[in-house]
């Protein structure tokens, strides 16, 4: 598996790492297209709006189909397999890195996917607003002849992410997306990502978040439907499956890389959690 190492089309002053694409942009040559279709680990945030047509992406071994008016977002480190180009497809895409995100004036909780859904479906009014922002960003990068200030680009990116954040949480209750529980859950998810291979205990995570274990359990259960321990285990097994399928590591090397001291225990743990032995999993992927 390859890491994404795409050359971003940057703002004229080269302060930003952001890339904007649409069906109106020239499509890459056949050999580049073939390379782009290979599985890769994302190094940036990826967002695609389907204006017309249907596509199926694969994220972390799961197929996700999106069609007219649907939006898909993916996060750094996810294993990503794009679909081949299809006829009569109209779309907008934007990619940006963590450094660009850090320049925006607010946080966007949807980008850590607390509700466990990486697609957003818009009502007609919101869809049109989102489409217009995509069109403006595409114009800035591909049509305008003159340089555009970084502040203007960031302003439109901020507007886009604000719309997506609101639409992502639109049907949740309570509607207040900045409540303390959600903030703590986001902190929990970030801690899981940061310390995944260290395999910290639930008590340790709760202490770092200034929560009791009971409070942490209640918050994680509210937003994920599982306990903190099961959430961590599920995430660890996703990482194991990513690496088994797309990295050259042996099972022994993978076990150590994921924080297991005993490769045999890792193999038994993998089968207990996934229902398949490592060899069965690899055979299924090859088939």
Protein backbone atom coordinates (compact mmCIF):
# COMPACT_ATOMS: atom_id res chain seq x y z
CA UNK A 1 0.00 0.00 0.00
CA UNK A 2 1.23 3.46 -0.78
CA UNK A 3 0.95 6.57 1.32
CA UNK A 4 -0.72 9.51 -0.39
CA UNK A 5 1.99 11.94 -1.27
CA UNK A 6 0.04 14.08 -3.66
CA UNK A 7 1.41 17.45 -4.68
CA UNK A 8 -1.26 19.83 -3.50
CA UNK A 9 -2.25 22.71 -5.72
CA UNK A 10 -1.39 25.41 -3.27
CA UNK A 11 -2.57 28.95 -2.90
CA UNK A 12 -0.47 31.49 -4.80
CA UNK A 13 1.58 32.39 -1.72
CA UNK A 14 2.24 28.70 -0.98
CA UNK A 15 1.04 28.95 2.61
CA UNK A 16 -1.74 26.42 2.13
CA UNK A 17 -1.86 22.76 1.18
CA UNK A 18 -5.20 22.39 -0.52
CA UNK A 19 -6.33 20.77 -3.75
CA UNK A 20 -9.67 21.31 -5.51
CA UNK A 21 -10.95 19.13 -8.37
CA UNK A 22 -14.13 18.75 -10.40
CA UNK A 23 -15.37 16.94 -13.48
CA UNK A 24 -14.49 20.08 -15.47
CA UNK A 25 -10.79 19.79 -14.69
CA UNK A 26 -8.53 17.88 -17.09
CA UNK A 27 -8.44 14.20 -16.14
CA UNK A 28 -5.02 12.55 -15.60
CA UNK A 29 -3.41 10.31 -18.17
CA UNK A 30 -4.23 6.59 -18.21
CA UNK A 31 -1.06 5.56 -16.36
CA UNK A 32 -1.63 8.14 -13.63
CA UNK A 33 -5.27 7.05 -13.36
CA UNK A 34 -4.13 3.45 -12.84
CA UNK A 35 -1.74 4.55 -10.11
CA UNK A 36 -4.47 6.58 -8.42
CA UNK A 37 -6.72 3.51 -8.23
CA UNK A 38 -4.26 1.67 -5.98
CA UNK A 39 -5.09 1.36 -2.25
CA UNK A 40 -3.41 4.07 -0.24
CA UNK A 41 -3.36 5.53 3.23
CA UNK A 42 -4.67 9.08 3.19
CA UNK A 43 -2.37 11.81 4.43
CA UNK A 44 -5.02 14.51 4.10
CA UNK A 45 -8.72 15.12 4.57
CA UNK A 46 -10.71 14.16 1.47
CA UNK A 47 -14.22 15.44 0.67
CA UNK A 48 -16.26 14.67 -2.46
CA UNK A 49 -19.73 15.94 -3.41
CA UNK A 50 -21.59 13.99 -6.10
CA UNK A 51 -23.63 16.48 -8.11
CA UNK A 52 -24.85 13.87 -10.59
CA UNK A 53 -24.11 10.16 -10.91
CA UNK A 54 -23.10 7.35 -8.56
CA UNK A 55 -19.74 6.22 -7.18
CA UNK A 56 -18.58 3.56 -4.73
CA UNK A 57 -15.49 4.27 -2.63
CA UNK A 58 -13.80 1.81 -0.31
CA UNK A 59 -12.75 3.11 3.11
CA UNK A 60 -11.13 0.80 5.64
CA UNK A 61 -12.32 -2.28 3.77
CA UNK A 62 -15.92 -1.05 3.60
CA UNK A 63 -17.71 -0.06 0.37
CA UNK A 64 -19.56 3.27 0.58
CA UNK A 65 -21.83 4.25 -2.31
CA UNK A 66 -22.81 7.88 -2.84
CA UNK A 67 -25.13 9.37 -5.44
CA UNK A 68 -26.79 12.68 -6.40
CA UNK A 69 -26.54 15.19 -3.57
CA UNK A 70 -24.51 12.92 -1.30
CA UNK A 71 -21.16 13.86 0.19
CA UNK A 72 -18.39 11.58 1.45
CA UNK A 73 -15.57 12.66 3.74
CA UNK A 74 -12.48 10.69 4.72
CA UNK A 75 -9.77 11.36 7.27
CA UNK A 76 -5.99 11.06 7.42
CA UNK A 77 -4.71 7.51 7.95
CA UNK A 78 -7.79 5.82 6.54
CA UNK A 79 -7.13 3.23 3.85
CA UNK A 80 -8.71 4.59 0.71
CA UNK A 81 -9.53 2.94 -2.63
CA UNK A 82 -11.13 5.30 -5.16
CA UNK A 83 -13.39 4.02 -7.93
CA UNK A 84 -12.53 4.27 -11.64
CA UNK A 85 -13.91 7.19 -13.60
CA UNK A 86 -17.50 6.72 -14.78
CA UNK A 87 -19.33 8.41 -17.64
CA UNK A 88 -21.64 11.39 -17.06
CA UNK A 89 -20.35 11.92 -13.54
CA UNK A 90 -20.43 15.43 -12.08
CA UNK A 91 -18.57 16.03 -8.83
CA UNK A 92 -16.44 18.36 -6.71
CA UNK A 93 -13.51 17.27 -4.54
CA UNK A 94 -11.36 19.06 -2.03
CA UNK A 95 -8.29 17.79 -0.16
CA UNK A 96 -6.47 19.67 2.60
CA UNK A 97 -4.00 18.80 5.31
CA UNK A 98 -3.89 19.29 9.08
CA UNK A 99 -1.80 22.44 8.79
CA UNK A 100 -4.41 24.10 6.59
CA UNK A 101 -7.18 23.01 8.96
CA UNK A 102 -5.28 24.55 11.88
CA UNK A 103 -5.43 27.97 10.18
CA UNK A 104 -9.23 28.07 10.36
CA UNK A 105 -10.88 30.02 13.20
CA UNK A 106 -12.95 27.16 14.63
CA UNK A 107 -13.07 23.42 15.18
CA UNK A 108 -15.20 21.08 13.10
CA UNK A 109 -16.26 18.08 15.21
CA UNK A 110 -17.68 16.19 12.22
CA UNK A 111 -14.15 15.61 10.91
CA UNK A 112 -13.50 13.03 13.64
CA UNK A 113 -16.79 11.34 12.72
CA UNK A 114 -18.29 11.00 16.22
CA UNK A 115 -21.56 9.58 14.88
CA UNK A 116 -19.86 6.88 12.82
CA UNK A 117 -21.13 7.94 9.40
CA UNK A 118 -18.84 9.30 6.71
CA UNK A 119 -21.60 10.40 4.37
CA UNK A 120 -23.82 13.47 4.48
CA UNK A 121 -27.11 13.84 2.60
CA UNK A 122 -28.33 17.41 2.11
CA UNK A 123 -31.74 18.94 1.73
CA UNK A 124 -32.12 20.85 -1.54
CA UNK A 125 -31.42 24.29 -0.07
CA UNK A 126 -28.27 23.23 1.76
CA UNK A 127 -27.07 21.22 -1.23
CA UNK A 128 -27.25 24.31 -3.43
CA UNK A 129 -25.31 26.41 -0.93
CA UNK A 130 -22.63 23.75 -0.57
CA UNK A 131 -22.40 23.36 -4.34
CA UNK A 132 -21.88 27.12 -4.77
CA UNK A 133 -18.99 27.13 -2.29
CA UNK A 134 -17.38 24.21 -4.14
CA UNK A 135 -17.83 26.11 -7.42
CA UNK A 136 -16.15 29.20 -5.99
CA UNK A 137 -13.19 27.19 -4.68
CA UNK A 138 -12.87 25.46 -8.05
CA UNK A 139 -12.95 28.83 -9.80
CA UNK A 140 -10.23 30.19 -7.52
CA UNK A 141 -7.88 27.31 -8.29
CA UNK A 142 -8.63 26.60 -11.95
CA UNK A 143 -10.28 29.59 -13.62
CA UNK A 144 -9.15 32.86 -12.06
CA UNK A 145 -6.08 34.29 -13.75
CA UNK A 146 -4.98 36.38 -10.79
CA UNK A 147 -3.70 35.28 -7.41
CA UNK A 148 -6.22 34.98 -4.60
CA UNK A 149 -5.31 35.93 -1.05
CA UNK A 150 -4.90 33.14 1.46
CA UNK A 151 -7.51 34.75 3.70
CA UNK A 152 -10.15 34.47 0.97
CA UNK A 153 -9.38 30.81 0.31
CA UNK A 154 -9.52 30.05 4.03
CA UNK A 155 -12.80 31.95 4.30
CA UNK A 156 -14.48 29.77 1.66
CA UNK A 157 -12.99 26.58 3.10
CA UNK A 158 -14.28 27.65 6.51
CA UNK A 159 -17.75 28.29 5.04
CA UNK A 160 -17.75 24.87 3.38
CA UNK A 161 -16.76 23.02 6.55
CA UNK A 162 -19.28 25.01 8.61
CA UNK A 163 -22.07 23.89 6.25
CA UNK A 164 -20.90 20.27 6.43
CA UNK A 165 -20.57 20.34 10.21
CA UNK A 166 -24.11 21.65 10.60
CA UNK A 167 -25.55 19.13 8.12
CA UNK A 168 -23.69 16.23 9.76
CA UNK A 169 -25.27 16.93 13.15
CA UNK A 170 -28.62 18.15 11.81
CA UNK A 171 -30.71 15.18 12.90
CA UNK A 172 -28.97 14.52 16.20
CA UNK A 173 -30.45 15.25 19.60
CA UNK A 174 -29.60 17.43 21.34
CA UNK A 175 -28.87 19.79 18.48
CA UNK A 176 -26.14 21.61 20.42
CA UNK A 177 -23.05 20.06 18.84
CA UNK A 178 -20.64 21.85 21.14
CA UNK A 179 -21.87 20.27 24.35
CA UNK A 180 -19.35 19.02 26.88
CA UNK A 181 -20.05 15.34 26.31
CA UNK A 182 -19.38 15.58 22.58
CA UNK A 183 -16.19 17.55 23.21
CA UNK A 184 -15.00 14.83 25.58
CA UNK A 185 -15.88 12.11 23.09
CA UNK A 186 -13.86 13.91 20.42
CA UNK A 187 -10.94 14.14 22.86
CA UNK A 188 -11.34 10.43 23.54
CA UNK A 189 -11.24 9.58 19.82
CA UNK A 190 -8.15 11.71 19.32
CA UNK A 191 -6.46 10.03 22.28
CA UNK A 192 -7.27 6.60 20.86
CA UNK A 193 -5.69 7.62 17.54
CA UNK A 194 -2.63 9.13 19.19
CA UNK A 195 -1.92 6.30 21.64
CA UNK A 196 -3.33 3.33 19.72
CA UNK A 197 -0.22 1.17 19.74
CA UNK A 198 0.49 1.95 23.39
CA UNK A 199 -2.81 0.28 24.33
CA UNK A 200 -3.48 2.42 27.43
CA UNK A 201 -6.01 1.18 29.97
CA UNK A 202 -9.48 2.71 30.21
CA UNK A 203 -8.52 4.09 33.61
CA UNK A 204 -5.50 5.84 32.12
CA UNK A 205 -7.57 7.38 29.34
CA UNK A 206 -10.22 8.54 31.82
CA UNK A 207 -7.57 10.19 34.01
CA UNK A 208 -6.06 12.02 31.04
CA UNK A 209 -9.52 13.32 30.12
CA UNK A 210 -10.24 14.35 33.73
CA UNK A 211 -13.20 11.95 33.86
CA UNK A 212 -14.24 9.07 36.05
CA UNK A 213 -14.36 5.69 34.34
CA UNK A 214 -18.15 5.70 34.73
CA UNK A 215 -18.44 9.10 33.03
CA UNK A 216 -16.15 8.01 30.22
CA UNK A 217 -18.21 4.84 29.73
CA UNK A 218 -21.45 6.83 29.58
CA UNK A 219 -20.08 9.37 27.05
CA UNK A 220 -18.47 6.82 24.73
CA UNK A 221 -21.57 4.63 24.87
CA UNK A 222 -23.76 7.63 24.00
CA UNK A 223 -21.86 8.49 20.81
CA UNK A 224 -20.52 5.14 19.64
CA UNK A 225 -22.90 2.56 21.08
CA UNK A 226 -20.06 0.56 22.62
CA UNK A 227 -17.90 0.69 25.74
CA UNK A 228 -14.53 2.52 25.75
CA UNK A 229 -12.72 -0.83 25.85
CA UNK A 230 -14.69 -2.20 22.88
CA UNK A 231 -14.22 1.07 20.98
CA UNK A 232 -10.46 0.86 21.46
CA UNK A 233 -10.39 -2.83 20.52
CA UNK A 234 -12.46 -2.24 17.38
CA UNK A 235 -10.16 0.57 16.29
CA UNK A 236 -7.08 -1.58 16.96
CA UNK A 237 -8.51 -4.40 14.86
CA UNK A 238 -9.29 -2.01 12.01
CA UNK A 239 -5.64 -0.96 12.07
CA UNK A 240 -4.56 -4.60 12.14
CA UNK A 241 -6.72 -5.38 9.10
CA UNK A 242 -5.41 -2.31 7.27
CA UNK A 243 -1.81 -3.38 7.80
CA UNK A 244 -2.42 -7.06 7.07
CA UNK A 245 -3.91 -6.20 3.71
CA UNK A 246 -1.69 -3.33 2.64
CA UNK A 247 1.70 -3.58 4.34
CA UNK A 248 4.60 -6.02 3.87
CA UNK A 249 4.91 -6.74 7.61
CA UNK A 250 4.94 -10.30 8.86
CA UNK A 251 2.39 -11.29 11.51
CA UNK A 252 5.13 -11.21 14.13
CA UNK A 253 6.29 -7.72 13.08
CA UNK A 254 2.71 -6.47 12.97
CA UNK A 255 1.99 -7.79 16.45
CA UNK A 256 4.95 -5.86 17.88
CA UNK A 257 4.07 -2.74 15.91
CA UNK A 258 0.53 -2.76 17.35
CA UNK A 259 1.81 -3.09 20.91
CA UNK A 260 1.45 -6.84 21.46
CA UNK A 261 4.37 -8.56 23.19
CA UNK A 262 3.24 -12.03 22.15
CA UNK A 263 2.51 -12.67 18.44
CA UNK A 264 0.60 -15.86 19.27
CA UNK A 265 -1.67 -13.93 21.63
CA UNK A 266 -2.18 -11.32 18.90
CA UNK A 267 -3.27 -14.05 16.48
CA UNK A 268 -5.75 -15.49 19.00
CA UNK A 269 -7.02 -12.00 19.87
CA UNK A 270 -7.51 -11.17 16.18
CA UNK A 271 -9.64 -14.29 15.65
CA UNK A 272 -11.67 -13.61 18.79
CA UNK A 273 -12.45 -10.06 17.68
CA UNK A 274 -13.00 -10.58 13.96
CA UNK A 275 -14.26 -14.15 13.84
CA UNK A 276 -11.52 -15.09 11.38
CA UNK A 277 -7.96 -16.27 11.77
CA UNK A 278 -5.32 -14.09 10.13
CA UNK A 279 -4.84 -16.63 7.34
CA UNK A 280 -8.60 -16.79 6.76
CA UNK A 281 -8.78 -13.01 6.62
CA UNK A 282 -5.94 -12.76 4.12
CA UNK A 283 -7.42 -15.51 1.94
CA UNK A 284 -10.80 -13.74 1.90
CA UNK A 285 -9.17 -10.49 0.80
CA UNK A 286 -7.23 -12.23 -1.94
CA UNK A 287 -10.38 -13.95 -3.19
